[in-house]
Protein backbone atom coordinates (compact mmCIF):
# COMPACT_ATOMS: atom_id res chain seq x y z
CA MET A 1 34.96 72.93 53.09
CA HIS A 2 38.51 72.12 54.55
CA THR A 3 40.64 69.90 52.53
CA PHE A 4 43.13 67.67 53.60
CA SER A 5 46.26 65.80 52.16
CA LYS A 6 47.43 62.29 52.65
CA PRO A 7 51.36 62.30 52.93
CA TYR A 8 51.30 58.78 53.46
CA ASN A 9 49.37 56.30 51.14
CA GLU A 10 48.78 53.82 54.13
CA ILE A 11 46.53 56.36 55.97
CA ALA A 12 43.66 55.71 53.91
CA ALA A 13 43.70 51.93 54.51
CA VAL A 14 43.09 52.37 58.18
CA ASN A 15 39.37 53.01 59.09
CA TYR A 16 39.98 55.45 61.92
CA CYS A 17 38.95 58.83 63.15
CA VAL A 18 40.48 61.46 65.25
CA ILE A 19 38.72 62.46 68.48
CA ILE A 20 39.60 65.95 69.93
CA PRO A 21 38.05 66.60 73.58
CA THR A 22 38.15 70.19 74.31
CA TYR A 23 37.44 72.62 77.22
CA ASN A 24 38.24 76.34 77.20
CA ASN A 25 41.24 75.78 74.66
CA SER A 26 40.21 78.46 72.38
CA LYS A 27 43.89 79.80 71.88
CA THR A 28 45.08 76.37 70.36
CA LEU A 29 41.83 74.76 69.16
CA LYS A 30 41.94 76.14 65.56
CA ARG A 31 45.67 75.28 65.14
CA VAL A 32 45.01 71.63 66.33
CA ILE A 33 42.10 71.08 63.98
CA ASP A 34 43.90 72.62 61.08
CA GLY A 35 46.89 70.22 61.78
CA VAL A 36 44.63 67.13 61.90
CA LEU A 37 42.72 68.19 58.74
CA GLN A 38 45.93 67.64 56.81
CA TYR A 39 45.62 64.13 57.47
CA THR A 40 41.92 63.31 57.69
CA ASN A 41 38.49 65.05 57.90
CA ASN A 42 36.99 62.16 59.96
CA ILE A 43 37.23 64.27 63.13
CA ILE A 44 35.10 64.15 66.27
CA VAL A 45 35.24 67.19 68.44
CA VAL A 46 33.69 66.81 71.92
CA ASN A 47 33.19 70.35 73.35
CA ASP A 48 33.05 69.78 77.01
CA GLY A 49 31.00 72.53 78.15
CA SER A 50 33.65 75.38 77.03
CA THR A 51 32.64 78.93 78.21
CA ASP A 52 35.18 80.85 75.99
CA SER A 53 34.91 81.21 72.09
CA THR A 54 35.14 77.35 71.51
CA VAL A 55 31.52 77.44 69.98
CA ALA A 56 32.15 80.17 67.52
CA ILE A 57 35.45 78.36 66.42
CA LEU A 58 33.70 75.01 65.81
CA ARG A 59 31.11 76.87 63.62
CA GLU A 60 33.79 77.29 60.96
CA TYR A 61 34.03 73.73 60.60
CA SER A 62 30.47 72.66 59.62
CA GLU A 63 31.97 69.31 58.13
CA LEU A 64 33.16 67.96 61.13
CA ASN A 65 31.27 66.00 63.69
CA THR A 66 30.73 68.29 66.72
CA ILE A 67 29.35 67.28 70.03
CA HIS A 68 28.59 70.07 72.35
CA LEU A 69 28.08 69.17 76.31
CA PRO A 70 26.00 71.52 78.22
CA LYS A 71 28.05 71.23 81.20
CA ASN A 72 31.72 70.34 81.97
CA LYS A 73 31.92 66.85 83.18
CA GLY A 74 35.58 66.02 82.76
CA LYS A 75 38.02 64.73 80.07
CA GLY A 76 37.07 61.08 80.60
CA ASN A 77 33.45 61.61 80.11
CA ALA A 78 34.25 63.56 76.81
CA LEU A 79 36.54 60.77 75.62
CA ALA A 80 33.80 58.09 76.49
CA ILE A 81 31.20 60.14 74.52
CA GLY A 82 33.69 60.40 71.68
CA PHE A 83 34.30 56.67 71.63
CA ALA A 84 30.67 55.97 71.44
CA ALA A 85 30.14 58.35 68.61
CA ALA A 86 33.11 56.69 66.70
CA LYS A 87 31.72 53.26 67.08
CA GLN A 88 28.20 54.32 65.96
CA ALA A 89 29.80 56.08 62.74
CA GLY A 90 31.47 52.59 62.11
CA TYR A 91 35.21 53.39 62.62
CA ASP A 92 37.61 50.70 64.09
CA TYR A 93 40.30 53.01 65.62
CA ALA A 94 40.25 56.31 67.15
CA ILE A 95 43.22 58.48 67.62
CA THR A 96 42.85 61.07 70.57
CA ILE A 97 44.73 64.35 70.48
CA ASP A 98 44.58 67.01 73.10
CA SER A 99 43.56 70.61 72.37
CA ASP A 100 45.97 72.42 74.16
CA GLY A 101 48.41 72.37 71.13
CA GLN A 102 51.11 70.10 73.10
CA HIS A 103 50.73 67.37 70.32
CA PHE A 104 51.82 67.54 66.93
CA PRO A 105 49.26 66.35 64.17
CA ASP A 106 52.02 65.34 61.96
CA ASP A 107 52.80 62.30 64.39
CA ILE A 108 49.49 60.77 63.32
CA PRO A 109 51.44 58.47 60.61
CA VAL A 110 53.56 57.27 63.63
CA PHE A 111 50.45 55.70 65.20
CA LEU A 112 49.17 54.08 61.89
CA SER A 113 52.52 52.88 60.73
CA GLU A 114 53.04 51.05 64.13
CA LEU A 115 49.53 49.69 63.77
CA GLU A 116 50.05 48.31 60.26
CA LYS A 117 53.46 46.94 61.00
CA ASN A 118 53.02 45.28 64.34
CA GLY A 119 49.22 44.60 64.62
CA GLU A 120 46.37 45.72 66.71
CA ALA A 121 47.22 47.47 70.12
CA LEU A 122 46.55 50.26 72.19
CA LEU A 123 49.25 52.87 71.40
CA ILE A 124 50.14 55.62 73.62
CA GLY A 125 52.36 58.29 72.42
CA SER A 126 55.61 58.51 74.42
CA ARG A 127 56.84 62.04 75.03
CA ASN A 128 60.43 62.89 75.72
CA MET A 129 59.93 63.78 79.58
CA ALA A 130 63.62 64.86 79.75
CA GLN A 131 63.40 67.75 77.40
CA GLU A 132 63.58 71.29 78.27
CA GLY A 133 60.36 73.03 79.27
CA VAL A 134 58.75 69.81 80.63
CA PRO A 135 57.16 70.82 83.98
CA LYS A 136 58.44 68.93 86.89
CA LYS A 137 55.09 67.86 88.16
CA SER A 138 54.28 66.31 84.57
CA SER A 139 57.51 64.33 84.71
CA PHE A 140 56.94 63.03 88.48
CA GLY A 141 53.30 62.21 87.82
CA ASN A 142 54.31 60.20 84.56
CA LYS A 143 56.78 58.27 86.70
CA PHE A 144 54.28 57.78 89.46
CA SER A 145 51.77 56.43 86.85
CA ASN A 146 54.20 54.24 85.06
CA PHE A 147 55.11 52.37 88.20
CA TRP A 148 51.30 51.68 89.24
CA PHE A 149 50.58 50.60 85.54
CA TRP A 150 53.50 48.18 85.86
CA PHE A 151 52.40 46.78 89.13
CA GLU A 152 48.82 46.47 88.17
CA THR A 153 49.62 44.65 84.64
CA GLY A 154 53.19 43.57 84.81
CA LYS A 155 53.86 45.61 81.62
CA LYS A 156 56.42 48.48 81.37
CA LEU A 157 55.67 51.63 79.63
CA GLU A 158 57.72 54.89 79.32
CA ASP A 159 54.64 57.13 79.14
CA THR A 160 51.21 56.36 80.64
CA GLN A 161 49.79 59.61 80.90
CA SER A 162 50.00 61.03 77.30
CA GLY A 163 46.70 61.82 75.81
CA TYR A 164 48.10 61.23 72.39
CA ARG A 165 46.66 57.66 71.69
CA LEU A 166 45.36 55.31 69.18
CA TYR A 167 42.53 53.10 70.66
CA PRO A 168 41.12 49.92 68.96
CA LEU A 169 37.50 50.81 69.53
CA HIS A 170 36.25 47.13 69.48
CA LYS A 171 38.87 46.06 71.94
CA ILE A 172 38.56 48.57 74.70
CA PRO A 173 36.02 48.42 77.61
CA SER A 174 32.47 49.58 76.78
CA LYS A 175 31.78 50.64 80.37
CA TYR A 176 33.87 53.00 82.72
CA TYR A 177 33.78 53.88 86.19
CA THR A 178 35.68 57.40 86.20
CA SER A 179 35.02 60.46 84.27
CA LYS A 180 37.85 62.79 84.66
CA PHE A 181 41.60 62.68 84.00
CA GLU A 182 42.02 59.30 85.92
CA PHE A 183 40.00 57.81 83.10
CA GLU A 184 42.87 57.59 80.84
CA ILE A 185 44.56 55.26 83.33
CA GLU A 186 41.50 53.05 84.00
CA ILE A 187 41.11 52.42 80.21
CA ILE A 188 44.79 51.46 79.56
CA VAL A 189 44.93 49.08 82.73
CA ARG A 190 41.56 47.52 82.10
CA THR A 191 42.42 47.24 78.22
CA SER A 192 45.90 45.30 79.18
CA TRP A 193 43.82 42.97 81.59
CA LYS A 194 41.78 42.05 78.48
CA GLY A 195 44.98 40.75 76.76
CA VAL A 196 45.32 43.78 74.32
CA PRO A 197 48.80 44.92 73.87
CA VAL A 198 49.64 48.44 75.32
CA LYS A 199 52.55 49.79 73.69
CA ASN A 200 54.37 53.24 73.34
CA VAL A 201 55.29 55.01 70.18
CA PRO A 202 57.67 58.03 70.10
CA VAL A 203 55.85 61.45 69.59
CA LYS A 204 57.02 64.97 69.90
CA VAL A 205 55.62 67.34 72.65
CA LEU A 206 55.41 71.16 72.96
CA TYR A 207 54.95 72.84 76.31
CA ASP A 208 54.11 76.67 75.68
CA MET A 209 53.09 78.05 78.84
CA SER A 210 51.75 81.23 77.04
CA GLU A 211 49.24 79.27 75.23
CA ARG A 212 48.53 75.85 77.03
CA VAL A 213 45.75 75.72 79.54
CA SER A 214 45.82 72.90 82.09
CA HIS A 215 42.81 71.94 83.78
CA PHE A 216 44.52 69.45 86.07
CA ARG A 217 43.89 70.10 89.60
CA PRO A 218 46.82 68.72 91.73
CA PHE A 219 45.14 68.04 95.08
CA LYS A 220 41.86 66.81 93.62
CA ASP A 221 43.02 64.96 90.54
CA PHE A 222 45.94 63.49 92.28
CA THR A 223 43.51 62.31 94.95
CA ARG A 224 41.16 60.78 92.38
CA ILE A 225 44.04 58.80 90.83
CA SER A 226 45.44 57.43 93.98
CA ILE A 227 41.95 56.13 94.83
CA LEU A 228 41.59 54.68 91.24
CA ASN A 229 45.03 52.99 91.62
CA THR A 230 44.38 51.68 95.02
CA VAL A 231 41.07 50.23 93.63
CA LEU A 232 43.11 48.77 90.67
CA VAL A 233 45.63 47.29 92.64
CA VAL A 234 43.14 45.38 94.82
CA ILE A 235 41.41 44.04 91.94
CA SER A 236 44.72 43.11 90.41
CA LEU A 237 45.71 41.16 93.38
CA LEU A 238 42.54 39.52 94.25
CA TYR A 239 41.38 38.45 90.71
CA ILE A 240 43.67 39.46 87.60
CA LYS A 241 47.00 38.10 88.85
CA PRO A 242 45.47 34.97 90.15
CA ARG A 243 43.23 34.59 86.80
CA ASP A 244 46.30 35.03 84.82
CA PHE A 245 48.61 32.53 86.70
CA PHE A 246 45.67 30.11 86.78
CA MET A 247 45.11 30.35 83.13
CA SER A 248 48.89 30.09 82.37
CA PHE A 249 49.12 26.95 84.61
CA LYS A 250 46.05 25.48 82.98
CA LYS A 251 47.00 26.21 79.32
CA LYS A 252 50.69 24.74 79.93
CA GLY A 253 49.61 21.75 82.00
CA LEU A 254 51.72 20.31 84.91
CA LYS A 255 54.52 18.84 82.90
CA LYS A 256 55.16 21.99 80.70
CA PHE A 257 54.76 24.27 83.65
CA PHE A 258 57.31 22.30 85.56
CA LEU A 259 59.69 22.29 82.58
CA GLU A 260 59.26 26.05 81.83
CA ASN A 261 58.78 27.77 85.02
CA VAL A 262 60.64 25.59 87.32
CA LEU A 263 63.59 23.89 85.48
CA GLU A 264 64.16 26.33 82.69
CA SER A 265 63.60 29.65 84.74
CA ASN A 266 66.76 31.80 84.97
CA ASP A 267 66.26 32.02 88.90
CA SER A 268 68.68 30.28 91.13
CA ASN A 269 67.97 27.14 92.64
CA THR A 270 68.00 28.77 96.14
CA LYS A 271 65.38 31.34 94.90
CA LYS A 272 63.25 28.67 93.27
CA ALA A 273 63.33 26.57 96.56
CA LEU A 274 62.39 29.81 98.55
CA SER A 275 59.61 30.37 96.22
CA ILE A 276 58.38 26.89 96.97
CA ALA A 277 58.67 27.28 100.61
CA LEU A 278 56.72 30.61 100.51
CA GLY A 279 53.72 29.19 98.43
CA VAL A 280 53.50 26.26 100.92
CA PHE A 281 53.78 28.27 104.06
CA ILE A 282 51.03 30.63 102.81
CA GLY A 283 48.80 27.73 101.35
CA ILE A 284 48.73 25.99 104.82
CA ALA A 285 48.94 28.98 107.20
CA PRO A 286 45.30 29.86 108.33
CA LEU A 287 45.10 32.83 106.15
CA TRP A 288 41.92 31.83 104.19
CA GLY A 289 40.76 34.52 101.66
CA PHE A 290 44.09 36.40 101.76
CA GLN A 291 46.38 33.66 100.58
CA THR A 292 46.67 34.78 97.02
CA VAL A 293 47.20 38.40 97.66
CA LEU A 294 49.79 37.57 100.50
CA VAL A 295 51.66 35.21 98.30
CA LEU A 296 52.05 37.44 95.44
CA PHE A 297 52.84 40.58 97.48
CA LEU A 298 55.56 38.74 99.48
CA ALA A 299 56.97 37.16 96.43
CA TYR A 300 57.18 40.55 94.86
CA VAL A 301 58.60 42.14 97.94
CA LEU A 302 61.15 39.20 98.51
CA ARG A 303 61.87 38.99 94.81
CA LEU A 304 60.88 35.43 94.44
CA ASN A 305 59.49 33.76 91.45
CA LYS A 306 55.72 34.82 91.85
CA LEU A 307 54.34 31.92 89.55
CA ILE A 308 56.28 29.07 91.39
CA ALA A 309 54.90 30.62 94.92
CA PHE A 310 51.37 31.05 93.66
CA ALA A 311 51.39 27.35 92.11
CA PHE A 312 52.68 25.93 95.45
CA SER A 313 50.29 27.98 97.51
CA ASN A 314 47.54 25.92 96.10
CA VAL A 315 48.65 23.01 98.30
CA SER A 316 45.49 23.51 100.23
CA ILE A 317 43.21 22.27 97.45
CA PRO A 318 39.80 20.63 98.68
CA PRO A 319 41.13 16.98 98.66
CA PHE A 320 43.91 17.88 101.08
CA ILE A 321 41.89 20.41 103.43
CA PRO A 322 40.60 17.61 105.89
CA LEU A 323 44.19 16.37 106.25
CA ILE A 324 45.66 19.76 106.66
CA ILE A 325 43.02 20.55 109.54
CA TYR A 326 43.54 17.31 111.06
CA LEU A 327 47.23 17.54 111.20
CA SER A 328 46.87 21.22 112.40
CA LEU A 329 44.77 20.09 115.39
CA GLN A 330 47.11 17.25 116.32
CA MET A 331 50.22 19.64 115.99
CA GLY A 332 48.30 22.37 118.02
CA ALA A 333 47.31 19.78 120.89
CA LEU A 334 50.88 18.86 120.90
CA ALA A 335 52.29 22.35 121.29
CA LEU A 336 49.74 23.33 123.85
CA GLY A 337 50.02 20.14 125.92
CA GLY A 338 46.50 18.93 125.97
CA PRO A 339 44.28 16.41 124.09
CA VAL A 340 42.72 17.11 120.61
CA SER A 341 39.41 18.90 121.04
CA ASP A 342 36.23 16.68 120.73
CA TYR A 343 34.56 17.39 117.43
CA THR A 344 31.17 16.13 118.78
CA ASN A 345 31.14 18.78 121.68
CA PHE A 346 29.95 22.10 120.37
CA SER A 347 30.22 23.88 123.64
CA LEU A 348 31.85 27.46 123.49
CA GLU A 349 34.77 26.50 125.48
CA ASN A 350 35.49 23.49 123.22
CA ILE A 351 35.11 25.60 120.10
CA GLN A 352 37.72 28.14 121.44
CA ASN A 353 40.00 25.22 122.25
CA SER A 354 39.66 23.69 118.85
CA MET A 355 40.32 27.09 117.20
CA THR A 356 43.28 27.77 119.46
CA GLN A 357 44.65 24.40 118.53
CA TYR A 358 44.07 24.95 114.83
CA LEU A 359 45.60 28.36 114.68
CA VAL A 360 48.81 27.31 116.68
CA GLY A 361 49.06 24.14 114.97
CA SER A 362 48.45 25.30 111.37
CA ILE A 363 51.22 27.74 111.58
CA LEU A 364 53.57 25.07 112.96
CA LEU A 365 52.55 22.68 110.21
CA ALA A 366 52.99 25.50 107.60
CA ALA A 367 56.43 26.29 108.75
CA ILE A 368 57.63 22.72 108.99
CA ALA A 369 56.02 21.79 105.61
CA ALA A 370 57.56 24.92 104.02
CA CYS A 371 60.81 23.80 105.16
CA LEU A 372 60.43 20.32 104.01
CA PHE A 373 59.02 21.27 100.80
CA GLY A 374 61.85 23.97 100.11
CA LEU A 375 64.51 21.59 101.16
CA ALA A 376 63.39 18.94 99.00
CA GLY A 377 62.74 21.36 96.11
CA TYR A 378 66.24 22.49 96.32
CA PHE A 379 68.11 19.18 96.29
CA ILE A 380 65.80 18.02 93.46
CA LEU A 381 66.67 20.85 91.36
CA LEU A 382 70.36 20.54 92.40
CA SER A 383 70.32 16.95 91.27
CA ILE A 384 68.40 17.58 88.00
CA GLY A 385 71.08 20.42 87.39
CA ARG A 386 73.81 17.87 87.93
CA ASN A 387 72.49 15.29 85.66
CA LYS A 388 72.08 18.06 82.84
CA VAL A 389 75.84 18.85 83.24
CA HIS A 390 76.90 15.33 83.14
CA LYS A 391 74.91 14.59 79.99
CA ASN A 392 76.24 17.74 78.28
CA ALA A 393 79.94 16.80 79.23
């Protein structure tokens, strides 16, 4: 029986376990387990089909919960199985630590201390990627991952690839769609989408190339990660960001939204007015089904206020749609030099004429409305700003 000590009294107060996924890391596995045992014996080791001496090593730790998978299916699959086992055992939190020796078990209290001080969150160990010995591909991969996490969630992290983490087991997703290295990206993005804070805590890291065994396959795994990020970006643009903007708008109400996001925003009046104009243009233009994606993408590219642009893109709400279509047809007929198409005539030629009139007219209407709304917004904001100055004088 392996005994353990509790250097920090608060460790015993957190209902947690440590999950160690392992695959052919026999050189470092024993050292990692012995290090973790200094803090807890609530350990779940998931042997992901190892073909080295892993099984023999784990026989020495009969008191631990060891899960042996007959075939290697990937780190993500091993973690998912570990999470299920941890929840079944009644744990509230799980700390995951890699078995390749790069993580230091004495950083376990760092996670628990952050949890107790600042509340529940998914915590990721932030490594010093600038230190000597860190592989360049790891540093590049981390920066790449950090960017996409920010794009998909709006949250900035220093390290999104570290496997040294603390998971709130009852707040993370229960079903997953990936099973290998990309799993650790999927789970933090989807957990963030659920409104759970995802934070970094500082941890140490060791890259000993004489012992470390990496199973990362640059081409295959990078391709899988790229595909996953593509899917997550699409979901983010089509559903998550519109949902979050709508919920924020609904929660605040029109008056509070206008006060906080329009009047109190740090953006200049010009940027606010351009954001209004962009939203109105996209809302009226014949871009049905793509309006939300385009307005958020263009607001991001043009560095405009995304919330204002999104709010004004909803100018084409159902009560206004008949008016917008009517005005678009009128403007299209005027621009093309012909009469407005007869609604009662369903001939192919008339339908084609109506569609042409609508497409041309809606673009013209969108441009004119965008200019009018943008200019009106600018002068209204300017006037409100001047009134504030006079009141404060």
